[in-house]
Amino acid sequence: MRSRRTTLAVPGSNPRFIEKAQGLAVDEFFLDLEDAVAPSAKEDARKNVVAALREGDWRGKVRVVRVNGLETAWAYRDVIEVVEGAGERLDCLMLPKVQDPSHVQWLDRLLTQIERAMGYEVGRIGIEAQIEDARGMVNIDAIAASSPRLETLVFGPGDFMASINMKTLVVGEQPPGYTEGDAYHYILMRILMAARANDLQAIDGPYFNVRDVEAFKRVAQRSAALGFDGKWVLHPSQVEAGNEVFSPAQEDYDHAELILDAYEHATTVQGRGAAMLGDEMIDEASRKMALVIAAKGRAAGLSRTKTFEPPGA
């Protein structure tokens, strides 16, 4: 899976922001044609996005464009112009306000038609589906299973909070009066379960107070602890914090790699189904848990600082 610890939102109508984004240490960016672009600027923004994909230096980053929602007048032209103009330099399209499987299936079919017409590899361009309202959440299991192109489920907190009449104006924070537990726990877990049941990644949405990095970290740690793969960032100040929160600590990464080595040695050399790593007993469940941490560490570019020494070596 692609690393998506941090996903940077970049307005497709702002060339200065597009240029600056290329130098930031994010795992993924998306050039936005939806909420960040005024209706009168959407057609020009498409041209900016195609040019940015073709001419920009996005090496090492997942390249995504967020098109407008299916119910708008711009969606089909967004897809056609972007994919025909720069499809070979595009990894995914992000579809906002997904409410049922037919939304994703529409985009899948349109992408297939364009890929065949342009001579692209059919199925290479992935889809990211944003869950932004109550209807989308109720249908999330079917949405998550709707297309082999689907790579991620993305939480859109602002629209979602409005759709359920949550009593707050601060995107991502606990609503006033909610003093016990976490008002977002069910929402985040629902997205996570649907994602994991279908081998997808789960991405948390943005935190709007971009200058409060500590608050961003606090909110990001909540979804990272549950198992989310990453979070949107809206400002350069959030990038380093996001990468840190969604990467394993060096000690945890080393420990995970040691567990994998020790279990491999126990099962293949010693013929055992369980083993000791220091004072810790490990088994197949330990291996599965270690695989998660090791994969996240490798994707984050971590290097091992400890090596496995077989018993009696």
Protein backbone atom coordinates (compact mmCIF):
# COMPACT_ATOMS: atom_id res chain seq x y z
CA MET A 1 0.00 0.00 0.00
CA ARG A 2 1.06 3.57 -0.63
CA SER A 3 2.22 5.60 2.36
CA ARG A 4 -0.34 8.27 3.24
CA ARG A 5 0.75 9.55 6.66
CA THR A 6 0.13 13.11 5.48
CA THR A 7 -2.14 14.19 2.64
CA LEU A 8 -1.75 17.84 1.67
CA ALA A 9 -4.73 19.78 0.31
CA VAL A 10 -3.65 22.14 -2.50
CA PRO A 11 -6.12 24.53 -4.18
CA GLY A 12 -6.05 23.88 -7.91
CA SER A 13 -6.70 27.57 -8.60
CA ASN A 14 -3.60 28.83 -6.76
CA PRO A 15 -0.32 28.44 -8.72
CA ARG A 16 1.74 29.78 -5.80
CA PHE A 17 0.41 27.12 -3.42
CA ILE A 18 0.90 24.43 -6.09
CA GLU A 19 4.55 25.38 -6.51
CA LYS A 20 5.18 25.50 -2.77
CA ALA A 21 3.55 22.11 -2.20
CA GLN A 22 6.15 20.37 -4.35
CA GLY A 23 8.85 21.02 -1.75
CA LEU A 24 6.95 19.79 1.31
CA ALA A 25 7.70 16.40 2.89
CA VAL A 26 4.19 14.97 2.56
CA ASP A 27 3.43 11.43 1.45
CA GLU A 28 0.49 12.50 -0.70
CA PHE A 29 -0.95 15.69 -2.12
CA PHE A 30 -4.23 16.36 -3.83
CA LEU A 31 -4.83 19.20 -6.22
CA ASP A 32 -8.33 20.34 -5.35
CA LEU A 33 -11.01 21.22 -7.87
CA GLU A 34 -13.84 21.10 -5.32
CA ASP A 35 -14.34 23.16 -2.14
CA ALA A 36 -11.09 25.15 -2.42
CA VAL A 37 -12.04 26.52 -5.85
CA ALA A 38 -14.77 29.11 -6.49
CA PRO A 39 -17.37 28.15 -9.12
CA SER A 40 -16.16 30.86 -11.48
CA ALA A 41 -12.58 29.55 -11.29
CA LYS A 42 -13.18 25.83 -11.79
CA GLU A 43 -12.54 25.67 -15.53
CA ASP A 44 -9.23 27.51 -15.25
CA ALA A 45 -8.32 25.37 -12.24
CA ARG A 46 -8.56 22.24 -14.39
CA LYS A 47 -5.94 23.68 -16.72
CA ASN A 48 -3.71 24.59 -13.76
CA VAL A 49 -4.00 21.05 -12.39
CA VAL A 50 -3.11 19.38 -15.69
CA ALA A 51 -0.11 21.68 -16.11
CA ALA A 52 1.01 21.09 -12.52
CA LEU A 53 0.88 17.32 -12.93
CA ARG A 54 2.74 17.39 -16.22
CA GLU A 55 5.37 20.00 -15.34
CA GLY A 56 5.75 19.81 -11.54
CA ASP A 57 8.27 17.77 -9.57
CA TRP A 58 6.14 15.47 -7.44
CA ARG A 59 8.67 12.68 -7.04
CA GLY A 60 8.13 10.49 -3.99
CA LYS A 61 4.54 11.66 -3.50
CA VAL A 62 1.20 10.02 -4.23
CA ARG A 63 -0.39 12.20 -6.93
CA VAL A 64 -4.12 12.82 -6.51
CA VAL A 65 -6.75 15.21 -7.86
CA ARG A 66 -10.02 15.82 -6.03
CA VAL A 67 -12.81 16.31 -8.56
CA ASN A 68 -16.18 17.84 -7.82
CA GLY A 69 -19.03 15.73 -6.46
CA LEU A 70 -21.15 13.57 -8.70
CA GLU A 71 -24.23 15.72 -8.20
CA THR A 72 -22.53 18.85 -9.57
CA ALA A 73 -22.27 20.16 -13.12
CA TRP A 74 -18.46 19.97 -13.09
CA ALA A 75 -17.67 16.36 -12.16
CA TYR A 76 -17.61 14.66 -15.56
CA ARG A 77 -15.55 17.41 -17.18
CA ASP A 78 -13.12 17.34 -14.25
CA VAL A 79 -12.49 13.64 -14.80
CA ILE A 80 -12.24 13.81 -18.58
CA GLU A 81 -9.96 16.84 -18.79
CA VAL A 82 -7.62 15.79 -15.97
CA VAL A 83 -7.25 12.16 -17.01
CA GLU A 84 -6.97 12.86 -20.73
CA GLY A 85 -4.52 15.69 -20.05
CA ALA A 86 -2.29 14.07 -17.43
CA GLY A 87 -3.55 10.57 -16.67
CA GLU A 88 -0.12 8.99 -17.00
CA ARG A 89 1.09 11.25 -14.17
CA LEU A 90 -1.87 10.61 -11.89
CA ASP A 91 -2.14 7.96 -9.16
CA CYS A 92 -5.70 8.48 -7.91
CA LEU A 93 -8.81 10.59 -8.21
CA MET A 94 -10.56 11.60 -5.02
CA LEU A 95 -14.36 11.62 -5.18
CA PRO A 96 -16.04 13.78 -2.51
CA LYS A 97 -19.46 13.37 -0.93
CA VAL A 98 -19.81 9.67 -1.76
CA GLN A 99 -23.23 8.51 -0.57
CA ASP A 100 -23.64 5.06 -2.09
CA PRO A 101 -21.73 2.53 -4.23
CA SER A 102 -23.10 3.89 -7.51
CA HIS A 103 -21.01 7.05 -7.08
CA VAL A 104 -17.76 5.09 -7.04
CA GLN A 105 -18.94 2.76 -9.79
CA TRP A 106 -19.74 5.76 -12.02
CA LEU A 107 -16.20 7.04 -11.63
CA ASP A 108 -14.76 3.57 -12.20
CA ARG A 109 -16.63 3.18 -15.49
CA LEU A 110 -15.71 6.64 -16.73
CA LEU A 111 -12.04 6.06 -15.89
CA THR A 112 -12.12 2.74 -17.76
CA GLN A 113 -13.57 4.41 -20.86
CA ILE A 114 -10.94 7.14 -20.82
CA GLU A 115 -8.09 4.70 -20.19
CA ARG A 116 -9.14 2.57 -23.16
CA ALA A 117 -9.56 5.59 -25.40
CA MET A 118 -6.15 7.00 -24.42
CA GLY A 119 -4.28 3.70 -24.47
CA TYR A 120 -3.56 3.81 -20.72
CA GLU A 121 -3.31 0.70 -18.56
CA VAL A 122 -6.89 -0.06 -17.56
CA GLY A 123 -7.41 0.02 -13.82
CA ARG A 124 -4.12 1.69 -12.87
CA ILE A 125 -5.68 4.95 -11.63
CA GLY A 126 -7.10 4.44 -8.16
CA ILE A 127 -10.03 6.03 -6.35
CA GLU A 128 -10.25 7.65 -2.92
CA ALA A 129 -13.80 7.95 -1.56
CA GLN A 130 -14.72 10.70 0.87
CA ILE A 131 -17.42 9.93 3.43
CA GLU A 132 -19.01 13.27 4.29
CA ASP A 133 -22.57 12.71 5.45
CA ALA A 134 -24.89 10.38 7.30
CA ARG A 135 -26.07 8.60 4.15
CA GLY A 136 -22.51 7.80 3.14
CA MET A 137 -21.78 6.46 6.61
CA VAL A 138 -24.86 4.23 6.61
CA ASN A 139 -23.81 2.82 3.22
CA ILE A 140 -20.09 2.60 4.00
CA ASP A 141 -19.74 -1.18 3.82
CA ALA A 142 -21.21 -1.28 0.32
CA ILE A 143 -19.13 1.73 -0.72
CA ALA A 144 -15.94 0.07 0.54
CA ALA A 145 -16.66 -3.01 -1.62
CA SER A 146 -17.81 -1.08 -4.68
CA SER A 147 -14.72 -1.10 -6.92
CA PRO A 148 -11.30 -2.78 -7.24
CA ARG A 149 -9.90 0.69 -7.92
CA LEU A 150 -10.80 1.89 -4.44
CA GLU A 151 -7.71 2.50 -2.29
CA THR A 152 -8.87 4.64 0.63
CA LEU A 153 -11.85 5.81 2.65
CA VAL A 154 -11.44 9.43 3.75
CA PHE A 155 -13.36 11.10 6.56
CA GLY A 156 -14.73 14.55 5.66
CA PRO A 157 -15.47 16.01 9.10
CA GLY A 158 -16.84 19.46 8.21
CA ASP A 159 -19.66 18.34 5.93
CA PHE A 160 -20.30 15.30 8.10
CA MET A 161 -20.73 17.34 11.27
CA ALA A 162 -23.20 19.58 9.45
CA SER A 163 -25.12 16.58 8.09
CA ILE A 164 -25.83 15.19 11.56
CA ASN A 165 -26.47 18.63 13.11
CA MET A 166 -23.50 18.37 15.47
CA LYS A 167 -23.49 21.38 17.78
CA THR A 168 -20.12 22.90 16.95
CA LEU A 169 -18.37 25.28 14.56
CA VAL A 170 -14.85 23.95 15.14
CA VAL A 171 -13.98 21.18 12.69
CA GLY A 172 -12.37 18.23 14.44
CA GLU A 173 -12.86 19.33 18.04
CA GLN A 174 -15.30 17.89 20.59
CA PRO A 175 -18.67 19.67 20.46
CA PRO A 176 -19.49 21.95 23.40
CA GLY A 177 -21.25 20.02 26.12
CA TYR A 178 -19.69 16.66 25.16
CA THR A 179 -17.61 15.99 28.24
CA GLU A 180 -17.37 12.19 28.36
CA GLY A 181 -15.49 10.08 25.81
CA ASP A 182 -15.00 11.05 22.18
CA ALA A 183 -17.85 12.28 19.96
CA TYR A 184 -16.02 10.95 16.88
CA HIS A 185 -15.13 7.48 18.13
CA TYR A 186 -18.01 5.64 16.46
CA ILE A 187 -17.53 7.55 13.21
CA LEU A 188 -13.81 6.82 13.02
CA MET A 189 -14.21 3.16 13.98
CA ARG A 190 -17.01 2.69 11.44
CA ILE A 191 -14.77 4.00 8.67
CA LEU A 192 -11.84 1.94 9.89
CA MET A 193 -13.80 -1.33 10.04
CA ALA A 194 -15.18 -0.89 6.53
CA ALA A 195 -11.73 -0.04 5.22
CA ARG A 196 -9.94 -2.97 6.82
CA ALA A 197 -12.65 -5.46 5.85
CA ASN A 198 -11.94 -4.53 2.22
CA ASP A 199 -8.14 -4.10 2.40
CA LEU A 200 -8.36 -0.32 2.10
CA GLN A 201 -6.56 2.48 3.88
CA ALA A 202 -8.39 4.83 6.25
CA ILE A 203 -7.50 8.53 6.24
CA ASP A 204 -8.64 11.08 8.81
CA GLY A 205 -9.79 14.49 7.62
CA PRO A 206 -8.39 17.95 8.36
CA TYR A 207 -8.01 20.00 11.51
CA PHE A 208 -8.84 23.59 10.63
CA ASN A 209 -6.95 25.53 13.31
CA VAL A 210 -3.74 25.34 11.31
CA ARG A 211 -1.62 27.43 13.70
CA ASP A 212 -2.28 25.24 16.75
CA VAL A 213 0.14 22.40 16.02
CA GLU A 214 -0.24 20.85 19.47
CA ALA A 215 -3.99 20.62 19.03
CA PHE A 216 -3.46 19.08 15.59
CA LYS A 217 -1.16 16.46 17.12
CA ARG A 218 -3.67 15.68 19.85
CA VAL A 219 -6.45 15.11 17.33
CA ALA A 220 -4.17 13.15 14.98
CA GLN A 221 -3.03 10.88 17.81
CA ARG A 222 -6.65 9.86 18.37
CA SER A 223 -7.10 8.39 14.90
CA ALA A 224 -3.52 7.09 14.73
CA ALA A 225 -4.08 5.15 17.96
CA LEU A 226 -7.14 3.47 16.45
CA GLY A 227 -5.17 2.38 13.39
CA PHE A 228 -5.76 5.07 10.76
CA ASP A 229 -3.07 5.34 8.12
CA GLY A 230 -2.83 9.12 7.95
CA LYS A 231 -4.48 12.51 8.11
CA TRP A 232 -4.98 15.54 5.92
CA VAL A 233 -2.77 18.56 6.45
CA LEU A 234 -3.80 22.06 5.41
CA HIS A 235 -0.63 24.01 6.23
CA PRO A 236 3.13 23.37 6.17
CA SER A 237 3.19 23.69 9.98
CA GLN A 238 1.15 20.47 10.27
CA VAL A 239 3.35 18.31 8.01
CA GLU A 240 6.15 17.34 10.40
CA ALA A 241 3.68 16.65 13.22
CA GLY A 242 1.52 14.48 10.97
CA ASN A 243 4.44 12.41 9.70
CA GLU A 244 5.61 11.89 13.27
CA VAL A 245 2.23 10.87 14.66
CA PHE A 246 1.53 8.32 11.92
CA SER A 247 5.02 6.77 11.98
CA PRO A 248 6.03 4.21 14.59
CA ALA A 249 8.65 5.22 17.12
CA GLN A 250 12.11 3.91 16.31
CA GLU A 251 12.03 1.61 19.35
CA ASP A 252 8.68 0.14 18.30
CA TYR A 253 9.86 -0.34 14.71
CA ASP A 254 13.03 -2.14 15.83
CA HIS A 255 11.00 -4.32 18.18
CA ALA A 256 8.57 -5.26 15.39
CA GLU A 257 11.42 -6.29 13.09
CA LEU A 258 12.97 -8.37 15.86
CA ILE A 259 9.67 -10.15 16.45
CA LEU A 260 9.45 -11.02 12.75
CA ASP A 261 13.01 -12.34 12.73
CA ALA A 262 12.54 -14.34 15.93
CA TYR A 263 9.28 -15.88 14.75
CA GLU A 264 10.78 -16.77 11.37
CA HIS A 265 13.72 -18.46 13.11
CA ALA A 266 11.44 -20.35 15.50
CA THR A 267 9.13 -21.69 12.81
CA THR A 268 11.64 -22.48 10.07
CA VAL A 269 14.80 -23.43 11.99
CA GLN A 270 13.52 -24.71 15.31
CA GLY A 271 10.18 -26.05 14.08
CA ARG A 272 8.22 -24.27 16.83
CA GLY A 273 5.00 -22.31 16.67
CA ALA A 274 6.01 -20.00 19.50
CA ALA A 275 9.27 -18.55 20.73
CA MET A 276 10.84 -16.29 23.31
CA LEU A 277 12.25 -12.89 22.47
CA GLY A 278 13.99 -11.90 25.66
CA ASP A 279 11.31 -12.25 28.31
CA GLU A 280 8.48 -11.96 25.78
CA MET A 281 6.64 -14.94 24.31
CA ILE A 282 5.71 -14.47 20.66
CA ASP A 283 3.44 -16.46 18.35
CA GLU A 284 1.47 -16.06 15.13
CA ALA A 285 -0.65 -13.26 16.59
CA SER A 286 2.55 -11.44 17.58
CA ARG A 287 3.79 -11.81 14.01
CA LYS A 288 0.63 -10.27 12.56
CA MET A 289 0.81 -7.29 14.93
CA ALA A 290 4.51 -6.84 14.19
CA LEU A 291 3.84 -6.87 10.44
CA VAL A 292 1.63 -3.78 10.83
CA ILE A 293 4.25 -1.77 12.71
CA ALA A 294 7.09 -2.95 10.49
CA ALA A 295 5.19 -2.03 7.34
CA LYS A 296 4.44 1.45 8.65
CA GLY A 297 8.09 1.92 9.63
CA ARG A 298 9.37 0.81 6.25
CA ALA A 299 6.91 3.07 4.46
CA ALA A 300 8.09 5.96 6.65
CA GLY A 301 11.70 5.29 5.62
CA LEU A 302 12.93 4.09 9.02
CA SER A 303 16.10 2.00 9.22
CA ARG A 304 16.79 -0.73 11.74
CA THR A 305 19.14 0.01 14.60
CA LYS A 306 19.01 -3.48 16.15
CA THR A 307 19.76 -6.91 14.67
CA PHE A 308 18.37 -10.30 15.64
CA GLU A 309 20.70 -12.76 17.33
CA PRO A 310 19.40 -16.34 17.22
CA PRO A 311 19.36 -18.22 20.53
CA GLY A 312 22.72 -19.85 21.18
CA ALA A 313 24.45 -17.88 18.45
